[in-house]
Protein backbone atom coordinates (compact mmCIF):
# COMPACT_ATOMS: atom_id res chain seq x y z
CA MET A 1 12.31 -33.40 -15.23
CA PRO A 2 11.78 -33.37 -11.45
CA GLU A 3 11.20 -30.07 -9.70
CA ALA A 4 14.18 -28.74 -7.72
CA LYS A 5 14.02 -29.45 -3.99
CA LYS A 6 12.82 -26.46 -2.01
CA ARG A 7 15.26 -24.94 0.48
CA ARG A 8 14.57 -23.93 4.02
CA ALA A 9 15.13 -20.29 4.84
CA VAL A 10 15.84 -18.02 7.74
CA PHE A 11 13.77 -14.86 7.37
CA LEU A 12 15.32 -11.95 9.22
CA ASP A 13 13.70 -8.73 10.25
CA ARG A 14 16.07 -5.81 9.63
CA ASP A 15 15.75 -3.11 12.28
CA GLY A 16 16.32 -4.40 15.81
CA THR A 17 17.50 -7.77 14.53
CA ILE A 18 20.33 -7.18 12.04
CA SER A 19 20.78 -3.51 12.88
CA GLU A 20 20.15 -1.18 15.75
CA GLU A 21 16.55 -0.04 16.13
CA MET A 22 16.44 3.65 15.23
CA GLY A 23 12.70 4.22 14.89
CA TYR A 24 12.73 5.47 11.32
CA ALA A 25 16.20 5.22 9.79
CA ASN A 26 15.72 8.44 7.85
CA HIS A 27 19.38 8.92 6.95
CA LEU A 28 22.08 6.52 5.81
CA SER A 29 24.22 7.44 8.84
CA ARG A 30 21.50 6.17 11.19
CA PHE A 31 21.73 2.60 9.89
CA LEU A 32 24.13 0.70 12.16
CA ILE A 33 24.60 -3.05 11.86
CA PHE A 34 25.09 -4.97 15.10
CA PRO A 35 28.75 -6.08 15.44
CA TYR A 36 27.75 -9.77 15.56
CA ALA A 37 25.38 -9.70 12.54
CA ALA A 38 27.86 -10.57 9.77
CA ALA A 39 29.31 -13.55 11.65
CA ALA A 40 25.82 -14.83 12.47
CA ILE A 41 24.60 -14.53 8.88
CA ARG A 42 27.84 -16.07 7.56
CA ARG A 43 27.13 -19.08 9.77
CA LEU A 44 23.65 -19.42 8.19
CA ASN A 45 25.26 -19.18 4.74
CA LYS A 46 27.69 -21.99 5.63
CA ALA A 47 24.79 -24.11 6.89
CA GLY A 48 23.22 -23.88 3.43
CA LEU A 49 20.14 -21.98 4.58
CA ALA A 50 18.68 -19.21 2.45
CA VAL A 51 18.83 -15.86 4.26
CA ILE A 52 16.02 -13.48 3.39
CA VAL A 53 15.49 -10.05 4.92
CA VAL A 54 11.84 -9.00 5.36
CA THR A 55 11.16 -5.52 6.68
CA ASN A 56 8.32 -3.02 6.98
CA GLN A 57 9.48 0.45 5.92
CA SER A 58 6.39 2.66 6.18
CA GLY A 59 8.53 5.77 6.64
CA ALA A 60 8.52 6.11 2.84
CA ALA A 61 4.71 6.21 2.66
CA ARG A 62 4.62 8.59 5.62
CA GLY A 63 6.96 11.00 3.82
CA PHE A 64 9.75 10.67 6.40
CA PHE A 65 12.27 9.71 3.69
CA PRO A 66 12.27 8.84 -0.02
CA GLU A 67 11.89 5.20 -1.03
CA SER A 68 15.34 5.48 -2.64
CA LEU A 69 16.85 5.66 0.88
CA ILE A 70 15.59 2.13 1.56
CA GLN A 71 17.66 0.94 -1.42
CA GLU A 72 20.71 2.89 -0.21
CA ILE A 73 20.43 1.37 3.26
CA HIS A 74 20.11 -2.13 1.82
CA SER A 75 23.17 -1.56 -0.36
CA LYS A 76 25.10 -0.40 2.72
CA MET A 77 23.89 -3.44 4.68
CA GLU A 78 24.93 -5.86 1.91
CA ALA A 79 28.35 -4.19 1.60
CA GLU A 80 29.00 -4.33 5.36
CA LEU A 81 27.87 -7.94 5.55
CA ALA A 82 30.13 -8.81 2.60
CA VAL A 83 33.13 -7.35 4.45
CA GLY A 84 32.31 -9.89 7.18
CA GLY A 85 32.03 -12.72 4.63
CA ALA A 86 28.23 -12.86 4.79
CA ARG A 87 25.47 -12.44 2.23
CA VAL A 88 21.70 -12.35 2.07
CA ASP A 89 19.84 -14.17 -0.69
CA GLY A 90 17.07 -11.61 -0.95
CA ILE A 91 15.67 -8.45 0.58
CA TYR A 92 11.96 -7.71 0.65
CA TYR A 93 10.39 -4.59 2.08
CA CYS A 94 6.94 -3.10 2.42
CA PRO A 95 6.91 0.70 1.96
CA HIS A 96 3.20 0.96 2.84
CA ILE A 97 1.18 1.93 5.90
CA ARG A 98 -1.42 -0.39 7.40
CA ASP A 99 -4.28 1.59 5.80
CA ASP A 100 -2.93 0.82 2.32
CA SER A 101 -4.37 -2.71 2.62
CA CYS A 102 -1.42 -4.33 0.86
CA ASN A 103 -0.49 -7.99 1.25
CA CYS A 104 3.17 -7.27 1.91
CA ARG A 105 2.97 -5.44 5.24
CA LYS A 106 3.83 -7.66 8.17
CA PRO A 107 2.04 -9.40 9.86
CA LEU A 108 0.52 -10.37 6.49
CA PRO A 109 2.51 -13.05 4.66
CA GLY A 110 3.09 -11.36 1.29
CA MET A 111 6.85 -10.92 1.61
CA LEU A 112 7.32 -14.52 2.74
CA GLU A 113 5.18 -15.83 -0.12
CA ARG A 114 6.98 -13.72 -2.72
CA ALA A 115 10.40 -14.77 -1.42
CA ALA A 116 9.34 -18.43 -1.40
CA ALA A 117 8.16 -18.23 -5.02
CA GLU A 118 11.24 -16.33 -6.26
CA HIS A 119 13.84 -18.41 -4.38
CA ASN A 120 12.17 -21.87 -4.38
CA LEU A 121 11.81 -21.85 -0.60
CA GLU A 122 9.78 -24.02 1.74
CA ILE A 123 8.04 -21.64 4.16
CA LYS A 124 6.83 -24.40 6.46
CA GLY A 125 9.85 -25.57 8.38
CA SER A 126 11.71 -22.30 7.87
CA VAL A 127 12.50 -19.84 10.68
CA LEU A 128 11.74 -16.16 11.18
CA VAL A 129 13.81 -14.05 13.59
CA SER A 130 12.56 -10.66 14.76
CA ASP A 131 12.31 -8.25 17.66
CA ARG A 132 8.58 -7.66 17.03
CA TYR A 133 5.68 -9.90 17.99
CA ASP A 134 3.68 -9.10 14.82
CA ASP A 135 6.48 -10.78 12.88
CA ILE A 136 6.38 -13.83 15.16
CA ALA A 137 2.59 -14.06 14.64
CA MET A 138 3.17 -13.94 10.87
CA ALA A 139 5.74 -16.73 11.15
CA HIS A 140 3.33 -18.93 13.06
CA ALA A 141 0.48 -18.24 10.62
CA ALA A 142 2.75 -19.20 7.71
CA GLY A 143 4.04 -22.36 9.41
CA CYS A 144 7.48 -21.03 10.35
CA THR A 145 9.27 -21.25 13.65
CA GLY A 146 9.26 -17.81 15.29
CA ILE A 147 12.26 -16.68 17.34
CA LEU A 148 11.95 -13.41 19.25
CA VAL A 149 15.19 -11.55 19.90
CA LEU A 150 15.39 -9.22 22.88
CA SER A 151 17.47 -6.68 20.94
CA GLY A 152 15.64 -3.72 19.39
CA TYR A 153 12.05 -3.58 20.63
CA GLY A 154 12.11 -7.23 21.69
CA ARG A 155 12.90 -6.83 25.38
CA GLY A 156 10.10 -4.33 25.96
CA GLU A 157 7.61 -6.25 23.81
CA HIS A 158 8.38 -9.43 25.73
CA GLN A 159 8.31 -7.87 29.18
CA TRP A 160 5.18 -5.75 28.77
CA ASN A 161 3.03 -7.59 26.23
CA ARG A 162 3.71 -11.33 26.29
CA HIS A 163 0.76 -12.05 28.60
CA ARG A 164 -1.56 -10.82 25.79
CA TRP A 165 -0.04 -12.86 22.98
CA PRO A 166 -2.33 -15.67 21.78
CA ARG A 167 0.73 -17.83 21.09
CA GLN A 168 4.21 -17.40 22.50
CA PRO A 169 7.34 -17.34 20.33
CA ASP A 170 8.93 -20.75 19.82
CA SER A 171 12.07 -19.35 21.44
CA VAL A 172 13.21 -16.11 23.04
CA VAL A 173 16.91 -15.28 22.84
CA GLU A 174 19.12 -12.28 23.48
CA ASN A 175 20.06 -11.41 19.89
CA LEU A 176 20.65 -12.64 16.34
CA LYS A 177 23.84 -14.45 17.32
CA GLU A 178 21.97 -16.55 19.88
CA ALA A 179 19.12 -17.15 17.41
CA VAL A 180 21.60 -18.47 14.85
CA ASP A 181 23.25 -20.67 17.48
CA LEU A 182 19.84 -22.20 18.16
CA ILE A 183 18.95 -22.56 14.46
CA CYS A 184 22.27 -24.22 13.61
CA GLU A 185 22.08 -26.52 16.63
CA THR A 186 18.62 -27.65 15.50
CA THR A 187 19.66 -27.96 11.84
CA GLU A 188 22.68 -30.12 12.65
CA LYS A 189 20.58 -32.72 14.50
């Protein structure tokens, strides 16, 4: 029997991309989804692309909040997206700090690799959208297109640090809505 065809995915950072950047979202009330996020993700769903959230959440390892809060926030995010007719196919997070030497902390590719294995995804040819350059570097290393959004930390990262980046993002856009416009425009060609 032939192996099922692998799907392309859009990997989304959480904080600063789907939701407002709050530093450490150490309480459920601090997690606020951007008003355009559900419509943007719904458009990806309709385009047949897998939508996978990948997020570093070292606040748990640092003792800023219990790891259970990460689950509560993700449940809230999924519920709010569902109200807007959107869904994510998977959520992956790294609760570690850099010194833990795990493979899942961005910019390492562990979350992408795990998602690809569990959801039959093709990493090469997929897209990653984030407000952080480390995530864009991870996308490039894995063979993804990297789109930097200027929401969250993106504007400052782009303005102050882009001259030091060894490779520029494939695109720089204002926010997730514009990133999805670009992805869907490219997908439809």
